[in-house]
C-alpha atoms as a PDB file:
ATOM      1  CA  UNK A   1     -10.048  47.470 -23.949  1.00  0.00           C
ATOM      2  CA  UNK A   2      -9.243  44.932 -21.174  1.00  0.00           C
ATOM      3  CA  UNK A   3     -12.948  43.956 -21.042  1.00  0.00           C
ATOM      4  CA  UNK A   4     -13.169  43.480 -24.841  1.00  0.00           C
ATOM      5  CA  UNK A   5     -10.154  41.324 -24.997  1.00  0.00           C
ATOM      6  CA  UNK A   6     -11.666  39.072 -22.234  1.00  0.00           C
ATOM      7  CA  UNK A   7     -14.493  38.171 -24.608  1.00  0.00           C
ATOM      8  CA  UNK A   8     -14.248  34.700 -26.356  1.00  0.00           C
ATOM      9  CA  UNK A   9     -12.876  34.496 -29.794  1.00  0.00           C
ATOM     10  CA  UNK A  10     -11.666  38.173 -29.518  1.00  0.00           C
ATOM     11  CA  UNK A  11      -7.881  38.797 -29.726  1.00  0.00           C
ATOM     12  CA  UNK A  12      -5.494  41.725 -30.496  1.00  0.00           C
ATOM     13  CA  UNK A  13      -3.807  41.335 -33.950  1.00  0.00           C
ATOM     14  CA  UNK A  14      -0.370  43.115 -34.155  1.00  0.00           C
ATOM     15  CA  UNK A  15       0.300  45.262 -37.219  1.00  0.00           C
ATOM     16  CA  UNK A  16       2.862  43.294 -39.007  1.00  0.00           C
ATOM     17  CA  UNK A  17       4.989  44.170 -41.992  1.00  0.00           C
ATOM     18  CA  UNK A  18       3.014  41.825 -43.989  1.00  0.00           C
ATOM     19  CA  UNK A  19      -0.437  43.406 -43.086  1.00  0.00           C
ATOM     20  CA  UNK A  20       1.158  46.857 -43.569  1.00  0.00           C
ATOM     21  CA  UNK A  21       2.159  45.938 -47.048  1.00  0.00           C
ATOM     22  CA  UNK A  22      -0.998  44.430 -47.974  1.00  0.00           C
ATOM     23  CA  UNK A  23      -2.908  47.439 -46.864  1.00  0.00           C
ATOM     24  CA  UNK A  24      -1.056  49.409 -49.426  1.00  0.00           C
ATOM     25  CA  UNK A  25      -1.812  47.174 -52.422  1.00  0.00           C
ATOM     26  CA  UNK A  26      -5.547  46.520 -51.801  1.00  0.00           C
ATOM     27  CA  UNK A  27      -7.314  46.385 -55.233  1.00  0.00           C
ATOM     28  CA  UNK A  28      -9.465  49.268 -56.119  1.00  0.00           C
ATOM     29  CA  UNK A  29     -12.118  50.657 -55.704  1.00  0.00           C
ATOM     30  CA  UNK A  30     -11.413  51.598 -51.946  1.00  0.00           C
ATOM     31  CA  UNK A  31     -11.399  54.839 -50.289  1.00  0.00           C
ATOM     32  CA  UNK A  32      -8.564  57.122 -48.850  1.00  0.00           C
ATOM     33  CA  UNK A  33      -8.657  56.231 -45.144  1.00  0.00           C
ATOM     34  CA  UNK A  34      -5.547  54.418 -44.283  1.00  0.00           C
ATOM     35  CA  UNK A  35      -6.823  53.061 -41.137  1.00  0.00           C
ATOM     36  CA  UNK A  36      -9.549  51.304 -43.039  1.00  0.00           C
ATOM     37  CA  UNK A  37      -7.038  49.865 -45.321  1.00  0.00           C
ATOM     38  CA  UNK A  38      -5.300  48.240 -42.290  1.00  0.00           C
ATOM     39  CA  UNK A  39      -8.526  46.984 -40.928  1.00  0.00           C
ATOM     40  CA  UNK A  40      -9.432  45.233 -44.213  1.00  0.00           C
ATOM     41  CA  UNK A  41      -5.876  44.008 -44.721  1.00  0.00           C
ATOM     42  CA  UNK A  42      -5.982  42.599 -41.207  1.00  0.00           C
ATOM     43  CA  UNK A  43      -9.216  40.833 -41.722  1.00  0.00           C
ATOM     44  CA  UNK A  44      -8.164  39.325 -44.982  1.00  0.00           C
ATOM     45  CA  UNK A  45      -4.897  38.156 -43.446  1.00  0.00           C
ATOM     46  CA  UNK A  46      -6.855  36.687 -40.516  1.00  0.00           C
ATOM     47  CA  UNK A  47      -9.672  35.384 -42.574  1.00  0.00           C
ATOM     48  CA  UNK A  48     -11.972  37.302 -40.414  1.00  0.00           C
ATOM     49  CA  UNK A  49     -15.275  39.118 -40.887  1.00  0.00           C
ATOM     50  CA  UNK A  50     -15.374  42.814 -40.184  1.00  0.00           C
ATOM     51  CA  UNK A  51     -18.334  43.921 -37.866  1.00  0.00           C
ATOM     52  CA  UNK A  52     -18.822  47.526 -38.908  1.00  0.00           C
ATOM     53  CA  UNK A  53     -21.290  50.168 -39.939  1.00  0.00           C
ATOM     54  CA  UNK A  54     -18.832  52.023 -42.215  1.00  0.00           C
ATOM     55  CA  UNK A  55     -20.662  51.764 -45.666  1.00  0.00           C
ATOM     56  CA  UNK A  56     -17.405  52.118 -47.592  1.00  0.00           C
ATOM     57  CA  UNK A  57     -16.064  48.855 -46.046  1.00  0.00           C
ATOM     58  CA  UNK A  58     -19.404  47.153 -46.247  1.00  0.00           C
ATOM     59  CA  UNK A  59     -19.600  47.908 -49.967  1.00  0.00           C
ATOM     60  CA  UNK A  60     -15.937  46.938 -50.746  1.00  0.00           C
ATOM     61  CA  UNK A  61     -15.915  43.623 -52.575  1.00  0.00           C
ATOM     62  CA  UNK A  62     -12.476  42.725 -51.027  1.00  0.00           C
ATOM     63  CA  UNK A  63     -13.750  42.663 -47.501  1.00  0.00           C
ATOM     64  CA  UNK A  64     -15.992  40.171 -45.892  1.00  0.00           C
ATOM     65  CA  UNK A  65     -18.168  42.395 -43.474  1.00  0.00           C
ATOM     66  CA  UNK A  66     -21.439  42.789 -41.926  1.00  0.00           C
ATOM     67  CA  UNK A  67     -23.518  44.860 -39.458  1.00  0.00           C
END
């Protein structure tokens, strides 16, 4: 974790009440993994792209993602 956080443009984003709420109201269709809800909500809140191989996140139109 320490090494990853030393990388340029990488930072730890805290789970805020705003992100937690946002994760619970993501537009359908999405799947049933709450951790992925938080990842998508955080990325949307931070205007970030998600780097993932998770096909459900990659297919979700509400997430900007690539792999």
